[in-house]
Amino acid sequence: MAGTVDAASRLTGPVVVEAGARVIRSRIEGPALVGAGSVVEDSRIGPYTSLGRDCVLRRAGLADSIALDGVTVDRVGGVHGSLIGRAARIGPGDGRHRLLVGDDTRVEVAA
């Protein structure tokens, strides 16, 4: 536990919070990793989730997923079973699906 976790947050199971990372009013269920310099605020993470360095999660939910360095997830819950590429930004939209999809990608959308 090299980062900071406030008193309003709850961590259960094996959780690593690296140097410079901050966890604020959030719940993290391990196994989970919060990378150096990341901010997790009013969010829920895990289990089986890893955040890279300098990520930002605000009012978000992420489980069974890997977010690479520099990812931002803002006001989006229920993200699971996902691999999120470097510097990707995930946020609320207008109710329609907008996808920026790279090579050899698989996308699953609820009907």
PDB file of N, CA and C in Angstrom:
ATOM      1  N   MET A   1       0.850  -1.180   0.000  1.00  0.00           N
ATOM      2  CA  MET A   1       0.000   0.000   0.000  1.00  0.00           C
ATOM      3  C   MET A   1       0.892   1.239   0.000  1.00  0.00           C
ATOM      4  N   ALA A   2       1.349   1.619  -1.179  1.00  0.00           N
ATOM      5  CA  ALA A   2       2.235   2.768  -1.276  1.00  0.00           C
ATOM      6  C   ALA A   2       1.467   4.055  -1.589  1.00  0.00           C
ATOM      7  N   GLY A   3       0.217   3.919  -2.060  1.00  0.00           N
ATOM      8  CA  GLY A   3      -0.618   5.079  -2.357  1.00  0.00           C
ATOM      9  C   GLY A   3      -1.448   5.455  -1.151  1.00  0.00           C
ATOM     10  N   THR A   4      -2.466   6.298  -1.361  1.00  0.00           N
ATOM     11  CA  THR A   4      -3.326   6.720  -0.258  1.00  0.00           C
ATOM     12  C   THR A   4      -4.751   6.241  -0.482  1.00  0.00           C
ATOM     13  N   VAL A   5      -5.360   5.830   0.613  1.00  0.00           N
ATOM     14  CA  VAL A   5      -6.743   5.360   0.617  1.00  0.00           C
ATOM     15  C   VAL A   5      -7.458   6.093   1.739  1.00  0.00           C
ATOM     16  N   ASP A   6      -8.547   6.799   1.425  1.00  0.00           N
ATOM     17  CA  ASP A   6      -9.238   7.546   2.473  1.00  0.00           C
ATOM     18  C   ASP A   6     -10.083   6.626   3.344  1.00  0.00           C
ATOM     19  N   ALA A   7     -10.553   7.160   4.457  1.00  0.00           N
ATOM     20  CA  ALA A   7     -11.311   6.378   5.437  1.00  0.00           C
ATOM     21  C   ALA A   7     -12.676   5.942   4.920  1.00  0.00           C
ATOM     22  N   ALA A   8     -13.208   6.618   3.897  1.00  0.00           N
ATOM     23  CA  ALA A   8     -14.522   6.272   3.354  1.00  0.00           C
ATOM     24  C   ALA A   8     -14.450   5.130   2.344  1.00  0.00           C
ATOM     25  N   SER A   9     -13.253   4.712   1.985  1.00  0.00           N
ATOM     26  CA  SER A   9     -13.079   3.638   0.997  1.00  0.00           C
ATOM     27  C   SER A   9     -12.984   2.291   1.691  1.00  0.00           C
ATOM     28  N   ARG A  10     -13.302   1.236   0.925  1.00  0.00           N
ATOM     29  CA  ARG A  10     -13.230  -0.120   1.467  1.00  0.00           C
ATOM     30  C   ARG A  10     -12.481  -1.009   0.483  1.00  0.00           C
ATOM     31  N   LEU A  11     -11.433  -1.642   0.972  1.00  0.00           N
ATOM     32  CA  LEU A  11     -10.647  -2.570   0.175  1.00  0.00           C
ATOM     33  C   LEU A  11     -10.771  -3.947   0.803  1.00  0.00           C
ATOM     34  N   THR A  12     -11.084  -4.959  -0.026  1.00  0.00           N
ATOM     35  CA  THR A  12     -11.181  -6.330   0.470  1.00  0.00           C
ATOM     36  C   THR A  12     -10.357  -7.242  -0.426  1.00  0.00           C
ATOM     37  N   GLY A  13      -9.766  -8.252   0.187  1.00  0.00           N
ATOM     38  CA  GLY A  13      -8.944  -9.184  -0.567  1.00  0.00           C
ATOM     39  C   GLY A  13      -7.614  -8.561  -0.921  1.00  0.00           C
ATOM     40  N   PRO A  14      -6.827  -9.251  -1.760  1.00  0.00           N
ATOM     41  CA  PRO A  14      -5.517  -8.726  -2.133  1.00  0.00           C
ATOM     42  C   PRO A  14      -5.637  -7.544  -3.102  1.00  0.00           C
ATOM     43  N   VAL A  15      -5.268  -6.370  -2.604  1.00  0.00           N
ATOM     44  CA  VAL A  15      -5.336  -5.146  -3.399  1.00  0.00           C
ATOM     45  C   VAL A  15      -3.993  -4.438  -3.282  1.00  0.00           C
ATOM     46  N   VAL A  16      -3.445  -4.023  -4.429  1.00  0.00           N
ATOM     47  CA  VAL A  16      -2.209  -3.252  -4.459  1.00  0.00           C
ATOM     48  C   VAL A  16      -2.552  -1.848  -4.933  1.00  0.00           C
ATOM     49  N   VAL A  17      -2.153  -0.852  -4.144  1.00  0.00           N
ATOM     50  CA  VAL A  17      -2.299   0.555  -4.525  1.00  0.00           C
ATOM     51  C   VAL A  17      -0.881   1.112  -4.594  1.00  0.00           C
ATOM     52  N   GLU A  18      -0.418   1.360  -5.821  1.00  0.00           N
ATOM     53  CA  GLU A  18       0.972   1.765  -6.017  1.00  0.00           C
ATOM     54  C   GLU A  18       1.212   3.228  -5.628  1.00  0.00           C
ATOM     55  N   ALA A  19       2.478   3.598  -5.564  1.00  0.00           N
ATOM     56  CA  ALA A  19       2.905   4.937  -5.145  1.00  0.00           C
ATOM     57  C   ALA A  19       2.207   6.030  -5.948  1.00  0.00           C
ATOM     58  N   GLY A  20       1.730   7.034  -5.242  1.00  0.00           N
ATOM     59  CA  GLY A  20       1.098   8.179  -5.883  1.00  0.00           C
ATOM     60  C   GLY A  20      -0.345   7.965  -6.281  1.00  0.00           C
ATOM     61  N   ALA A  21      -0.846   6.741  -6.181  1.00  0.00           N
ATOM     62  CA  ALA A  21      -2.253   6.472  -6.501  1.00  0.00           C
ATOM     63  C   ALA A  21      -3.121   6.923  -5.326  1.00  0.00           C
ATOM     64  N   ARG A  22      -4.352   7.362  -5.642  1.00  0.00           N
ATOM     65  CA  ARG A  22      -5.292   7.797  -4.601  1.00  0.00           C
ATOM     66  C   ARG A  22      -6.622   7.089  -4.795  1.00  0.00           C
ATOM     67  N   VAL A  23      -7.170   6.604  -3.689  1.00  0.00           N
ATOM     68  CA  VAL A  23      -8.481   5.957  -3.690  1.00  0.00           C
ATOM     69  C   VAL A  23      -9.373   6.778  -2.763  1.00  0.00           C
ATOM     70  N   ILE A  24     -10.484   7.284  -3.323  1.00  0.00           N
ATOM     71  CA  ILE A  24     -11.360   8.211  -2.599  1.00  0.00           C
ATOM     72  C   ILE A  24     -12.799   7.715  -2.687  1.00  0.00           C
ATOM     73  N   ARG A  25     -13.424   7.485  -1.540  1.00  0.00           N
ATOM     74  CA  ARG A  25     -14.838   7.063  -1.465  1.00  0.00           C
ATOM     75  C   ARG A  25     -15.169   5.941  -2.445  1.00  0.00           C
ATOM     76  N   SER A  26     -14.335   4.921  -2.474  1.00  0.00           N
ATOM     77  CA  SER A  26     -14.493   3.841  -3.452  1.00  0.00           C
ATOM     78  C   SER A  26     -14.408   2.482  -2.793  1.00  0.00           C
ATOM     79  N   ARG A  27     -14.840   1.461  -3.540  1.00  0.00           N
ATOM     80  CA  ARG A  27     -14.747   0.076  -3.093  1.00  0.00           C
ATOM     81  C   ARG A  27     -13.899  -0.695  -4.089  1.00  0.00           C
ATOM     82  N   ILE A  28     -12.929  -1.426  -3.564  1.00  0.00           N
ATOM     83  CA  ILE A  28     -12.077  -2.245  -4.420  1.00  0.00           C
ATOM     84  C   ILE A  28     -12.053  -3.653  -3.852  1.00  0.00           C
ATOM     85  N   GLU A  29     -12.411  -4.611  -4.696  1.00  0.00           N
ATOM     86  CA  GLU A  29     -12.398  -6.019  -4.312  1.00  0.00           C
ATOM     87  C   GLU A  29     -11.260  -6.701  -5.065  1.00  0.00           C
ATOM     88  N   GLY A  30     -10.364  -7.311  -4.301  1.00  0.00           N
ATOM     89  CA  GLY A  30      -9.223  -7.973  -4.913  1.00  0.00           C
ATOM     90  C   GLY A  30      -9.550  -9.354  -5.420  1.00  0.00           C
ATOM     91  N   PRO A  31      -8.666  -9.888  -6.217  1.00  0.00           N
ATOM     92  CA  PRO A  31      -7.384  -9.295  -6.546  1.00  0.00           C
ATOM     93  C   PRO A  31      -7.548  -8.106  -7.489  1.00  0.00           C
ATOM     94  N   ALA A  32      -6.801  -7.048  -7.148  1.00  0.00           N
ATOM     95  CA  ALA A  32      -6.864  -5.826  -7.944  1.00  0.00           C
ATOM     96  C   ALA A  32      -5.569  -5.044  -7.790  1.00  0.00           C
ATOM     97  N   LEU A  33      -5.255  -4.263  -8.824  1.00  0.00           N
ATOM     98  CA  LEU A  33      -4.074  -3.411  -8.824  1.00  0.00           C
ATOM     99  C   LEU A  33      -4.477  -2.029  -9.300  1.00  0.00           C
ATOM    100  N   VAL A  34      -4.071  -1.004  -8.547  1.00  0.00           N
ATOM    101  CA  VAL A  34      -4.263   0.384  -8.954  1.00  0.00           C
ATOM    102  C   VAL A  34      -2.862   0.941  -9.201  1.00  0.00           C
ATOM    103  N   GLY A  35      -2.569   1.258 -10.451  1.00  0.00           N
ATOM    104  CA  GLY A  35      -1.232   1.669 -10.843  1.00  0.00           C
ATOM    105  C   GLY A  35      -0.819   3.027 -10.303  1.00  0.00           C
ATOM    106  N   ALA A  36       0.471   3.264 -10.303  1.00  0.00           N
ATOM    107  CA  ALA A  36       1.059   4.504  -9.799  1.00  0.00           C
ATOM    108  C   ALA A  36       0.427   5.722 -10.454  1.00  0.00           C
ATOM    109  N   GLY A  37       0.100   6.709  -9.628  1.00  0.00           N
ATOM    110  CA  GLY A  37      -0.432   7.964 -10.130  1.00  0.00           C
ATOM    111  C   GLY A  37      -1.894   7.941 -10.523  1.00  0.00           C
ATOM    112  N   SER A  38      -2.567   6.806 -10.369  1.00  0.00           N
ATOM    113  CA  SER A  38      -3.978   6.711 -10.746  1.00  0.00           C
ATOM    114  C   SER A  38      -4.875   7.303  -9.664  1.00  0.00           C
ATOM    115  N   VAL A  39      -6.083   7.721 -10.065  1.00  0.00           N
ATOM    116  CA  VAL A  39      -7.079   8.252  -9.139  1.00  0.00           C
ATOM    117  C   VAL A  39      -8.360   7.450  -9.318  1.00  0.00           C
ATOM    118  N   VAL A  40      -8.848   6.899  -8.216  1.00  0.00           N
ATOM    119  CA  VAL A  40     -10.111   6.162  -8.211  1.00  0.00           C
ATOM    120  C   VAL A  40     -11.025   6.899  -7.246  1.00  0.00           C
ATOM    121  N   GLU A  41     -12.102   7.486  -7.776  1.00  0.00           N
ATOM    122  CA  GLU A  41     -12.973   8.320  -6.952  1.00  0.00           C
ATOM    123  C   GLU A  41     -14.435   7.936  -7.162  1.00  0.00           C
ATOM    124  N   ASP A  42     -15.134   7.692  -6.054  1.00  0.00           N
ATOM    125  CA  ASP A  42     -16.560   7.338  -6.093  1.00  0.00           C
ATOM    126  C   ASP A  42     -16.812   6.197  -7.080  1.00  0.00           C
ATOM    127  N   SER A  43     -15.960   5.194  -7.041  1.00  0.00           N
ATOM    128  CA  SER A  43     -16.018   4.104  -8.014  1.00  0.00           C
ATOM    129  C   SER A  43     -15.966   2.748  -7.343  1.00  0.00           C
ATOM    130  N   ARG A  44     -16.222   1.726  -8.151  1.00  0.00           N
ATOM    131  CA  ARG A  44     -16.157   0.342  -7.694  1.00  0.00           C
ATOM    132  C   ARG A  44     -15.274  -0.438  -8.662  1.00  0.00           C
ATOM    133  N   ILE A  45     -14.296  -1.155  -8.112  1.00  0.00           N
ATOM    134  CA  ILE A  45     -13.346  -1.906  -8.936  1.00  0.00           C
ATOM    135  C   ILE A  45     -13.273  -3.333  -8.443  1.00  0.00           C
ATOM    136  N   GLY A  46     -13.155  -4.265  -9.386  1.00  0.00           N
ATOM    137  CA  GLY A  46     -12.838  -5.650  -9.077  1.00  0.00           C
ATOM    138  C   GLY A  46     -14.046  -6.525  -8.965  1.00  0.00           C
ATOM    139  N   PRO A  47     -13.754  -7.780  -8.805  1.00  0.00           N
ATOM    140  CA  PRO A  47     -12.436  -8.398  -8.649  1.00  0.00           C
ATOM    141  C   PRO A  47     -11.741  -8.589 -10.006  1.00  0.00           C
ATOM    142  N   TYR A  48     -10.517  -9.108  -9.937  1.00  0.00           N
ATOM    143  CA  TYR A  48      -9.704  -9.444 -11.121  1.00  0.00           C
ATOM    144  C   TYR A  48      -9.569  -8.262 -12.071  1.00  0.00           C
ATOM    145  N   THR A  49      -9.113  -7.140 -11.509  1.00  0.00           N
ATOM    146  CA  THR A  49      -9.011  -5.920 -12.294  1.00  0.00           C
ATOM    147  C   THR A  49      -7.659  -5.259 -12.069  1.00  0.00           C
ATOM    148  N   SER A  50      -7.100  -4.720 -13.142  1.00  0.00           N
ATOM    149  CA  SER A  50      -5.811  -4.037 -13.068  1.00  0.00           C
ATOM    150  C   SER A  50      -5.904  -2.711 -13.804  1.00  0.00           C
ATOM    151  N   LEU A  51      -5.525  -1.639 -13.099  1.00  0.00           N
ATOM    152  CA  LEU A  51      -5.434  -0.317 -13.714  1.00  0.00           C
ATOM    153  C   LEU A  51      -3.968   0.014 -13.907  1.00  0.00           C
ATOM    154  N   GLY A  52      -3.620   0.507 -15.070  1.00  0.00           N
ATOM    155  CA  GLY A  52      -2.247   0.916 -15.332  1.00  0.00           C
ATOM    156  C   GLY A  52      -1.908   2.210 -14.607  1.00  0.00           C
ATOM    157  N   ARG A  53      -0.816   2.800 -14.993  1.00  0.00           N
ATOM    158  CA  ARG A  53      -0.361   4.061 -14.405  1.00  0.00           C
ATOM    159  C   ARG A  53      -1.204   5.226 -14.925  1.00  0.00           C
ATOM    160  N   ASP A  54      -1.410   6.214 -14.048  1.00  0.00           N
ATOM    161  CA  ASP A  54      -2.047   7.486 -14.416  1.00  0.00           C
ATOM    162  C   ASP A  54      -3.437   7.331 -15.010  1.00  0.00           C
ATOM    163  N   CYS A  55      -4.197   6.368 -14.508  1.00  0.00           N
ATOM    164  CA  CYS A  55      -5.595   6.206 -14.911  1.00  0.00           C
ATOM    165  C   CYS A  55      -6.489   7.064 -14.022  1.00  0.00           C
ATOM    166  N   VAL A  56      -7.699   7.368 -14.503  1.00  0.00           N
ATOM    167  CA  VAL A  56      -8.682   8.102 -13.717  1.00  0.00           C
ATOM    168  C   VAL A  56     -10.016   7.380 -13.842  1.00  0.00           C
ATOM    169  N   LEU A  57     -10.571   6.963 -12.701  1.00  0.00           N
ATOM    170  CA  LEU A  57     -11.920   6.405 -12.660  1.00  0.00           C
ATOM    171  C   LEU A  57     -12.746   7.292 -11.748  1.00  0.00           C
ATOM    172  N   ARG A  58     -13.803   7.866 -12.273  1.00  0.00           N
ATOM    173  CA  ARG A  58     -14.704   8.700 -11.475  1.00  0.00           C
ATOM    174  C   ARG A  58     -16.132   8.234 -11.708  1.00  0.00           C
ATOM    175  N   ARG A  59     -16.799   7.938 -10.597  1.00  0.00           N
ATOM    176  CA  ARG A  59     -18.184   7.451 -10.650  1.00  0.00           C
ATOM    177  C   ARG A  59     -18.324   6.341 -11.686  1.00  0.00           C
ATOM    178  N   ALA A  60     -17.418   5.358 -11.587  1.00  0.00           N
ATOM    179  CA  ALA A  60     -17.343   4.290 -12.587  1.00  0.00           C
ATOM    180  C   ALA A  60     -17.306   2.920 -11.924  1.00  0.00           C
ATOM    181  N   GLY A  61     -17.570   1.888 -12.717  1.00  0.00           N
ATOM    182  CA  GLY A  61     -17.479   0.510 -12.262  1.00  0.00           C
ATOM    183  C   GLY A  61     -16.704  -0.314 -13.265  1.00  0.00           C
ATOM    184  N   LEU A  62     -15.717  -1.071 -12.766  1.00  0.00           N
ATOM    185  CA  LEU A  62     -14.840  -1.848 -13.644  1.00  0.00           C
ATOM    186  C   LEU A  62     -14.527  -3.167 -12.949  1.00  0.00           C
ATOM    187  N   ALA A  63     -14.804  -4.293 -13.616  1.00  0.00           N
ATOM    188  CA  ALA A  63     -14.538  -5.615 -13.036  1.00  0.00           C
ATOM    189  C   ALA A  63     -14.002  -6.557 -14.102  1.00  0.00           C
ATOM    190  N   ASP A  64     -13.226  -7.539 -13.655  1.00  0.00           N
ATOM    191  CA  ASP A  64     -12.677  -8.550 -14.568  1.00  0.00           C
ATOM    192  C   ASP A  64     -12.056  -7.903 -15.804  1.00  0.00           C
ATOM    193  N   SER A  65     -11.288  -6.847 -15.595  1.00  0.00           N
ATOM    194  CA  SER A  65     -10.802  -6.051 -16.729  1.00  0.00           C
ATOM    195  C   SER A  65      -9.380  -5.559 -16.508  1.00  0.00           C
ATOM    196  N   ILE A  66      -8.769  -5.149 -17.627  1.00  0.00           N
ATOM    197  CA  ILE A  66      -7.458  -4.525 -17.608  1.00  0.00           C
ATOM    198  C   ILE A  66      -7.581  -3.184 -18.316  1.00  0.00           C
ATOM    199  N   ALA A  67      -7.145  -2.127 -17.641  1.00  0.00           N
ATOM    200  CA  ALA A  67      -7.081  -0.798 -18.238  1.00  0.00           C
ATOM    201  C   ALA A  67      -5.604  -0.419 -18.315  1.00  0.00           C
ATOM    202  N   LEU A  68      -5.110  -0.182 -19.513  1.00  0.00           N
ATOM    203  CA  LEU A  68      -3.707   0.167 -19.686  1.00  0.00           C
ATOM    204  C   LEU A  68      -3.457   1.618 -19.260  1.00  0.00           C
ATOM    205  N   ASP A  69      -2.225   2.067 -19.315  1.00  0.00           N
ATOM    206  CA  ASP A  69      -1.837   3.385 -18.824  1.00  0.00           C
ATOM    207  C   ASP A  69      -2.659   4.518 -19.436  1.00  0.00           C
ATOM    208  N   GLY A  70      -3.006   5.491 -18.585  1.00  0.00           N
ATOM    209  CA  GLY A  70      -3.638   6.719 -19.040  1.00  0.00           C
ATOM    210  C   GLY A  70      -5.111   6.634 -19.366  1.00  0.00           C
ATOM    211  N   VAL A  71      -5.775   5.554 -18.987  1.00  0.00           N
ATOM    212  CA  VAL A  71      -7.208   5.375 -19.281  1.00  0.00           C
ATOM    213  C   VAL A  71      -8.053   6.270 -18.370  1.00  0.00           C
ATOM    214  N   THR A  72      -9.124   6.836 -18.925  1.00  0.00           N
ATOM    215  CA  THR A  72     -10.120   7.568 -18.140  1.00  0.00           C
ATOM    216  C   THR A  72     -11.477   6.910 -18.335  1.00  0.00           C
ATOM    217  N   VAL A  73     -12.128   6.558 -17.221  1.00  0.00           N
ATOM    218  CA  VAL A  73     -13.505   6.067 -17.248  1.00  0.00           C
ATOM    219  C   VAL A  73     -14.286   6.993 -16.340  1.00  0.00           C
ATOM    220  N   ASP A  74     -15.245   7.713 -16.912  1.00  0.00           N
ATOM    221  CA  ASP A  74     -15.989   8.735 -16.180  1.00  0.00           C
ATOM    222  C   ASP A  74     -17.486   8.498 -16.315  1.00  0.00           C
ATOM    223  N   ARG A  75     -18.142   8.259 -15.193  1.00  0.00           N
ATOM    224  CA  ARG A  75     -19.604   8.103 -15.116  1.00  0.00           C
ATOM    225  C   ARG A  75     -20.144   6.957 -15.970  1.00  0.00           C
ATOM    226  N   VAL A  76     -19.383   5.863 -16.024  1.00  0.00           N
ATOM    227  CA  VAL A  76     -19.838   4.668 -16.728  1.00  0.00           C
ATOM    228  C   VAL A  76     -19.637   3.480 -15.802  1.00  0.00           C
ATOM    229  N   GLY A  77     -20.733   2.807 -15.459  1.00  0.00           N
ATOM    230  CA  GLY A  77     -20.657   1.632 -14.603  1.00  0.00           C
ATOM    231  C   GLY A  77     -20.853   0.368 -15.409  1.00  0.00           C
ATOM    232  N   GLY A  78     -20.586  -0.748 -14.787  1.00  0.00           N
ATOM    233  CA  GLY A  78     -20.872  -2.027 -15.412  1.00  0.00           C
ATOM    234  C   GLY A  78     -19.901  -2.470 -16.482  1.00  0.00           C
ATOM    235  N   VAL A  79     -18.717  -1.874 -16.552  1.00  0.00           N
ATOM    236  CA  VAL A  79     -17.725  -2.321 -17.518  1.00  0.00           C
ATOM    237  C   VAL A  79     -17.084  -3.585 -16.951  1.00  0.00           C
ATOM    238  N   HIS A  80     -17.143  -4.683 -17.709  1.00  0.00           N
ATOM    239  CA  HIS A  80     -16.553  -5.934 -17.225  1.00  0.00           C
ATOM    240  C   HIS A  80     -16.020  -6.749 -18.407  1.00  0.00           C
ATOM    241  N   GLY A  81     -15.075  -7.629 -18.087  1.00  0.00           N
ATOM    242  CA  GLY A  81     -14.503  -8.492 -19.113  1.00  0.00           C
ATOM    243  C   GLY A  81     -13.885  -7.720 -20.255  1.00  0.00           C
ATOM    244  N   SER A  82     -13.204  -6.617 -19.939  1.00  0.00           N
ATOM    245  CA  SER A  82     -12.723  -5.719 -20.989  1.00  0.00           C
ATOM    246  C   SER A  82     -11.219  -5.491 -20.905  1.00  0.00           C
ATOM    247  N   LEU A  83     -10.645  -5.199 -22.060  1.00  0.00           N
ATOM    248  CA  LEU A  83      -9.276  -4.726 -22.165  1.00  0.00           C
ATOM    249  C   LEU A  83      -9.359  -3.345 -22.789  1.00  0.00           C
ATOM    250  N   ILE A  84      -8.888  -2.335 -22.040  1.00  0.00           N
ATOM    251  CA  ILE A  84      -9.010  -0.946 -22.484  1.00  0.00           C
ATOM    252  C   ILE A  84      -7.619  -0.429 -22.804  1.00  0.00           C
ATOM    253  N   GLY A  85      -7.423   0.014 -24.031  1.00  0.00           N
ATOM    254  CA  GLY A  85      -6.109   0.431 -24.512  1.00  0.00           C
ATOM    255  C   GLY A  85      -5.615   1.742 -23.930  1.00  0.00           C
ATOM    256  N   ARG A  86      -4.340   1.993 -24.095  1.00  0.00           N
ATOM    257  CA  ARG A  86      -3.674   3.176 -23.548  1.00  0.00           C
ATOM    258  C   ARG A  86      -4.393   4.474 -23.933  1.00  0.00           C
ATOM    259  N   ALA A  87      -4.520   5.338 -22.931  1.00  0.00           N
ATOM    260  CA  ALA A  87      -5.078   6.689 -23.100  1.00  0.00           C
ATOM    261  C   ALA A  87      -6.509   6.698 -23.640  1.00  0.00           C
ATOM    262  N   ALA A  88      -7.213   5.569 -23.547  1.00  0.00           N
ATOM    263  CA  ALA A  88      -8.616   5.522 -23.976  1.00  0.00           C
ATOM    264  C   ALA A  88      -9.482   6.313 -23.000  1.00  0.00           C
ATOM    265  N   ARG A  89     -10.557   6.881 -23.514  1.00  0.00           N
ATOM    266  CA  ARG A  89     -11.503   7.633 -22.680  1.00  0.00           C
ATOM    267  C   ARG A  89     -12.885   7.029 -22.859  1.00  0.00           C
ATOM    268  N   ILE A  90     -13.488   6.689 -21.744  1.00  0.00           N
ATOM    269  CA  ILE A  90     -14.832   6.115 -21.758  1.00  0.00           C
ATOM    270  C   ILE A  90     -15.711   7.018 -20.909  1.00  0.00           C
ATOM    271  N   GLY A  91     -16.808   7.487 -21.498  1.00  0.00           N
ATOM    272  CA  GLY A  91     -17.716   8.377 -20.781  1.00  0.00           C
ATOM    273  C   GLY A  91     -19.128   8.220 -21.298  1.00  0.00           C
ATOM    274  N   PRO A  92     -20.061   8.894 -20.649  1.00  0.00           N
ATOM    275  CA  PRO A  92     -21.462   8.767 -21.049  1.00  0.00           C
ATOM    276  C   PRO A  92     -21.701   9.408 -22.411  1.00  0.00           C
ATOM    277  N   GLY A  93     -22.697   8.888 -23.092  1.00  0.00           N
ATOM    278  CA  GLY A  93     -23.058   9.428 -24.405  1.00  0.00           C
ATOM    279  C   GLY A  93     -24.518   9.840 -24.425  1.00  0.00           C
ATOM    280  N   ASP A  94     -25.071   9.903 -25.600  1.00  0.00           N
ATOM    281  CA  ASP A  94     -26.447  10.357 -25.765  1.00  0.00           C
ATOM    282  C   ASP A  94     -27.426   9.193 -25.929  1.00  0.00           C
ATOM    283  N   GLY A  95     -27.023   7.996 -25.537  1.00  0.00           N
ATOM    284  CA  GLY A  95     -27.908   6.836 -25.628  1.00  0.00           C
ATOM    285  C   GLY A  95     -27.664   5.990 -26.861  1.00  0.00           C
ATOM    286  N   ARG A  96     -26.937   6.509 -27.823  1.00  0.00           N
ATOM    287  CA  ARG A  96     -26.590   5.747 -29.009  1.00  0.00           C
ATOM    288  C   ARG A  96     -25.191   5.184 -28.825  1.00  0.00           C
ATOM    289  N   HIS A  97     -24.854   4.153 -29.574  1.00  0.00           N
ATOM    290  CA  HIS A  97     -23.521   3.564 -29.501  1.00  0.00           C
ATOM    291  C   HIS A  97     -22.591   4.297 -30.459  1.00  0.00           C
ATOM    292  N   ARG A  98     -21.440   4.675 -29.958  1.00  0.00           N
ATOM    293  CA  ARG A  98     -20.396   5.262 -30.801  1.00  0.00           C
ATOM    294  C   ARG A  98     -19.144   4.451 -30.548  1.00  0.00           C
ATOM    295  N   LEU A  99     -18.631   3.821 -31.563  1.00  0.00           N
ATOM    296  CA  LEU A  99     -17.488   2.927 -31.401  1.00  0.00           C
ATOM    297  C   LEU A  99     -16.326   3.382 -32.274  1.00  0.00           C
ATOM    298  N   LEU A 100     -15.151   3.398 -31.681  1.00  0.00           N
ATOM    299  CA  LEU A 100     -13.911   3.587 -32.429  1.00  0.00           C
ATOM    300  C   LEU A 100     -13.179   2.271 -32.240  1.00  0.00           C
ATOM    301  N   VAL A 101     -13.179   1.414 -33.256  1.00  0.00           N
ATOM    302  CA  VAL A 101     -12.743   0.032 -33.117  1.00  0.00           C
ATOM    303  C   VAL A 101     -11.484  -0.205 -33.938  1.00  0.00           C
ATOM    304  N   GLY A 102     -10.481  -0.800 -33.291  1.00  0.00           N
ATOM    305  CA  GLY A 102      -9.221  -1.089 -33.962  1.00  0.00           C
ATOM    306  C   GLY A 102      -9.223  -2.457 -34.624  1.00  0.00           C
ATOM    307  N   ASP A 103      -8.119  -2.793 -35.245  1.00  0.00           N
ATOM    308  CA  ASP A 103      -7.946  -4.074 -35.932  1.00  0.00           C
ATOM    309  C   ASP A 103      -8.186  -5.248 -34.993  1.00  0.00           C
ATOM    310  N   ASP A 104      -8.754  -6.311 -35.523  1.00  0.00           N
ATOM    311  CA  ASP A 104      -8.936  -7.574 -34.801  1.00  0.00           C
ATOM    312  C   ASP A 104      -9.653  -7.403 -33.469  1.00  0.00           C
ATOM    313  N   THR A 105     -10.628  -6.523 -33.412  1.00  0.00           N
ATOM    314  CA  THR A 105     -11.368  -6.231 -32.182  1.00  0.00           C
ATOM    315  C   THR A 105     -12.689  -6.970 -32.164  1.00  0.00           C
ATOM    316  N   ARG A 106     -13.120  -7.364 -31.005  1.00  0.00           N
ATOM    317  CA  ARG A 106     -14.426  -7.983 -30.821  1.00  0.00           C
ATOM    318  C   ARG A 106     -15.281  -7.040 -29.985  1.00  0.00           C
ATOM    319  N   VAL A 107     -16.472  -6.718 -30.431  1.00  0.00           N
ATOM    320  CA  VAL A 107     -17.378  -5.819 -29.719  1.00  0.00           C
ATOM    321  C   VAL A 107     -18.683  -6.568 -29.475  1.00  0.00           C
ATOM    322  N   GLU A 108     -19.181  -6.504 -28.243  1.00  0.00           N
ATOM    323  CA  GLU A 108     -20.463  -7.115 -27.902  1.00  0.00           C
ATOM    324  C   GLU A 108     -21.387  -6.007 -27.398  1.00  0.00           C
ATOM    325  N   VAL A 109     -22.549  -5.860 -28.032  1.00  0.00           N
ATOM    326  CA  VAL A 109     -23.500  -4.831 -27.671  1.00  0.00           C
ATOM    327  C   VAL A 109     -24.821  -5.489 -27.329  1.00  0.00           C
ATOM    328  N   ALA A 110     -25.405  -5.085 -26.209  1.00  0.00           N
ATOM    329  CA  ALA A 110     -26.709  -5.634 -25.795  1.00  0.00           C
ATOM    330  C   ALA A 110     -27.774  -5.265 -26.819  1.00  0.00           C
ATOM    331  N   ALA A 111     -28.640  -6.222 -27.116  1.00  0.00           N
ATOM    332  CA  ALA A 111     -29.705  -5.992 -28.104  1.00  0.00           C
ATOM    333  C   ALA A 111     -30.836  -5.191 -27.510  1.00  0.00           C
TER     334      ALA A 111
END
